[in-house]
Amino acid sequence: MIISSAIINASGQTKAFGKNFTESLMQDSCIFSTTGRNSYFILEVGYQQTLQGIEGKDTTTLVITVLNETKKIGNVETRIVEENLFNLTFQFIL
């Protein structure tokens, strides 16, 4: 999974408000960065988030890690984010 580190704010409005939806996000005028943090997303090398869900005897764990790797897509350098999903089933033998 590759996630670009830039968040582009586009003020797309519906015709109900009398304005057309934004058709261009103006990427050429944006400044992109491969690291950063905001209230919703952390894109710093080594940052790791673990999410876990349990249903009955099954446990699912998702580990998301920001790697020290980048990849150029078009003219934008992007940070590599890895997701690993683990499914475990516990059986109790008496």
C-alpha atoms as a PDB file:
ATOM      1  CA  MET A   1       0.000   0.000   0.000  1.00  0.00           C
ATOM      2  CA  ILE A   2       1.375   3.410  -0.916  1.00  0.00           C
ATOM      3  CA  ILE A   3       0.042   6.559   0.658  1.00  0.00           C
ATOM      4  CA  SER A   4       0.952  10.036  -0.491  1.00  0.00           C
ATOM      5  CA  SER A   5       1.789  12.327   2.380  1.00  0.00           C
ATOM      6  CA  ALA A   6      -0.014  15.370   1.110  1.00  0.00           C
ATOM      7  CA  ILE A   7      -3.546  16.258   2.007  1.00  0.00           C
ATOM      8  CA  ILE A   8      -5.204  18.472  -0.545  1.00  0.00           C
ATOM      9  CA  ASN A   9      -8.123  20.611   0.567  1.00  0.00           C
ATOM     10  CA  ALA A  10     -10.583  21.089  -2.246  1.00  0.00           C
ATOM     11  CA  SER A  11     -13.745  23.020  -1.651  1.00  0.00           C
ATOM     12  CA  GLY A  12     -16.061  20.937  -3.795  1.00  0.00           C
ATOM     13  CA  GLN A  13     -19.640  22.124  -3.559  1.00  0.00           C
ATOM     14  CA  THR A  14     -22.756  20.509  -4.945  1.00  0.00           C
ATOM     15  CA  LYS A  15     -25.094  22.303  -7.287  1.00  0.00           C
ATOM     16  CA  ALA A  16     -27.568  22.542  -4.403  1.00  0.00           C
ATOM     17  CA  PHE A  17     -25.366  25.360  -3.066  1.00  0.00           C
ATOM     18  CA  GLY A  18     -25.093  27.029  -6.465  1.00  0.00           C
ATOM     19  CA  LYS A  19     -21.445  26.073  -7.144  1.00  0.00           C
ATOM     20  CA  ASN A  20     -19.921  23.351  -9.305  1.00  0.00           C
ATOM     21  CA  PHE A  21     -17.890  20.497  -7.842  1.00  0.00           C
ATOM     22  CA  THR A  22     -14.123  21.035  -8.025  1.00  0.00           C
ATOM     23  CA  GLU A  23     -12.708  19.237 -11.057  1.00  0.00           C
ATOM     24  CA  SER A  24      -9.037  20.049 -10.475  1.00  0.00           C
ATOM     25  CA  LEU A  25      -7.148  19.558  -7.217  1.00  0.00           C
ATOM     26  CA  MET A  26      -4.248  21.713  -8.474  1.00  0.00           C
ATOM     27  CA  GLN A  27      -1.548  19.186  -7.520  1.00  0.00           C
ATOM     28  CA  ASP A  28       1.069  21.143  -9.479  1.00  0.00           C
ATOM     29  CA  SER A  29       0.844  24.052  -7.031  1.00  0.00           C
ATOM     30  CA  CYS A  30       1.020  21.840  -3.897  1.00  0.00           C
ATOM     31  CA  ILE A  31       4.069  21.208  -1.751  1.00  0.00           C
ATOM     32  CA  PHE A  32       4.304  17.501  -0.927  1.00  0.00           C
ATOM     33  CA  SER A  33       6.252  15.947   1.940  1.00  0.00           C
ATOM     34  CA  THR A  34       7.050  12.296   2.702  1.00  0.00           C
ATOM     35  CA  THR A  35       6.817  12.874   6.468  1.00  0.00           C
ATOM     36  CA  GLY A  36       4.394  14.696   8.689  1.00  0.00           C
ATOM     37  CA  ARG A  37       1.591  14.452  11.201  1.00  0.00           C
ATOM     38  CA  ASN A  38      -1.850  15.887  11.770  1.00  0.00           C
ATOM     39  CA  SER A  39      -4.801  15.049  14.040  1.00  0.00           C
ATOM     40  CA  TYR A  40      -5.858  12.137  11.834  1.00  0.00           C
ATOM     41  CA  PHE A  41      -2.741  10.701  10.244  1.00  0.00           C
ATOM     42  CA  ILE A  42       0.883  10.146  11.328  1.00  0.00           C
ATOM     43  CA  LEU A  43       3.422   9.652   8.556  1.00  0.00           C
ATOM     44  CA  GLU A  44       6.679   9.458  10.501  1.00  0.00           C
ATOM     45  CA  VAL A  45       9.244   6.699   9.881  1.00  0.00           C
ATOM     46  CA  GLY A  46       8.877   3.926  12.447  1.00  0.00           C
ATOM     47  CA  TYR A  47       5.384   4.924  13.589  1.00  0.00           C
ATOM     48  CA  GLN A  48       3.295   1.816  14.157  1.00  0.00           C
ATOM     49  CA  GLN A  49      -0.410   1.425  14.889  1.00  0.00           C
ATOM     50  CA  THR A  50      -2.002  -1.841  16.019  1.00  0.00           C
ATOM     51  CA  LEU A  51      -5.743  -2.434  15.699  1.00  0.00           C
ATOM     52  CA  GLN A  52      -7.405  -5.542  17.081  1.00  0.00           C
ATOM     53  CA  GLY A  53     -10.857  -7.066  16.838  1.00  0.00           C
ATOM     54  CA  ILE A  54     -12.269 -10.118  18.604  1.00  0.00           C
ATOM     55  CA  GLU A  55     -15.309 -12.086  17.500  1.00  0.00           C
ATOM     56  CA  GLY A  56     -16.008 -15.304  19.365  1.00  0.00           C
ATOM     57  CA  LYS A  57     -12.807 -17.362  19.322  1.00  0.00           C
ATOM     58  CA  ASP A  58     -11.308 -15.423  16.395  1.00  0.00           C
ATOM     59  CA  THR A  59      -8.899 -12.539  16.876  1.00  0.00           C
ATOM     60  CA  THR A  60      -7.854 -10.289  13.995  1.00  0.00           C
ATOM     61  CA  THR A  61      -4.922  -7.915  14.368  1.00  0.00           C
ATOM     62  CA  LEU A  62      -3.915  -5.245  11.846  1.00  0.00           C
ATOM     63  CA  VAL A  63      -0.433  -3.745  12.223  1.00  0.00           C
ATOM     64  CA  ILE A  64       0.238  -0.579  10.184  1.00  0.00           C
ATOM     65  CA  THR A  65       3.880   0.555   9.944  1.00  0.00           C
ATOM     66  CA  VAL A  66       5.404   3.635   8.288  1.00  0.00           C
ATOM     67  CA  LEU A  67       8.571   2.377   6.588  1.00  0.00           C
ATOM     68  CA  ASN A  68      11.848   4.131   5.861  1.00  0.00           C
ATOM     69  CA  GLU A  69      11.159   3.731   2.136  1.00  0.00           C
ATOM     70  CA  THR A  70       9.757   6.045  -0.506  1.00  0.00           C
ATOM     71  CA  LYS A  71       8.568   5.615  -4.084  1.00  0.00           C
ATOM     72  CA  LYS A  72       8.218   8.239  -6.787  1.00  0.00           C
ATOM     73  CA  ILE A  73       4.796   8.272  -8.433  1.00  0.00           C
ATOM     74  CA  GLY A  74       4.677  10.733 -11.300  1.00  0.00           C
ATOM     75  CA  ASN A  75       6.496  13.796  -9.958  1.00  0.00           C
ATOM     76  CA  VAL A  76       5.601  13.091  -6.322  1.00  0.00           C
ATOM     77  CA  GLU A  77       7.812  11.246  -3.823  1.00  0.00           C
ATOM     78  CA  THR A  78       5.540   9.131  -1.587  1.00  0.00           C
ATOM     79  CA  ARG A  79       6.125   7.264   1.693  1.00  0.00           C
ATOM     80  CA  ILE A  80       5.629   3.479   1.865  1.00  0.00           C
ATOM     81  CA  VAL A  81       3.159   2.293   4.527  1.00  0.00           C
ATOM     82  CA  GLU A  82       2.923  -1.447   5.242  1.00  0.00           C
ATOM     83  CA  GLU A  83      -0.153  -3.256   6.551  1.00  0.00           C
ATOM     84  CA  ASN A  84       0.032  -6.768   8.032  1.00  0.00           C
ATOM     85  CA  LEU A  85      -3.130  -8.666   8.921  1.00  0.00           C
ATOM     86  CA  PHE A  86      -3.030 -11.577  11.367  1.00  0.00           C
ATOM     87  CA  ASN A  87      -5.972 -13.913  12.038  1.00  0.00           C
ATOM     88  CA  LEU A  88      -5.819 -16.199  15.069  1.00  0.00           C
ATOM     89  CA  THR A  89      -8.299 -18.779  16.295  1.00  0.00           C
ATOM     90  CA  PHE A  90      -8.043 -19.920  19.893  1.00  0.00           C
ATOM     91  CA  GLN A  91      -9.197 -23.397  20.836  1.00  0.00           C
ATOM     92  CA  PHE A  92      -9.331 -24.484  24.433  1.00  0.00           C
ATOM     93  CA  ILE A  93      -8.817 -28.194  24.990  1.00  0.00           C
ATOM     94  CA  LEU A  94      -9.929 -29.533  28.374  1.00  0.00           C
END
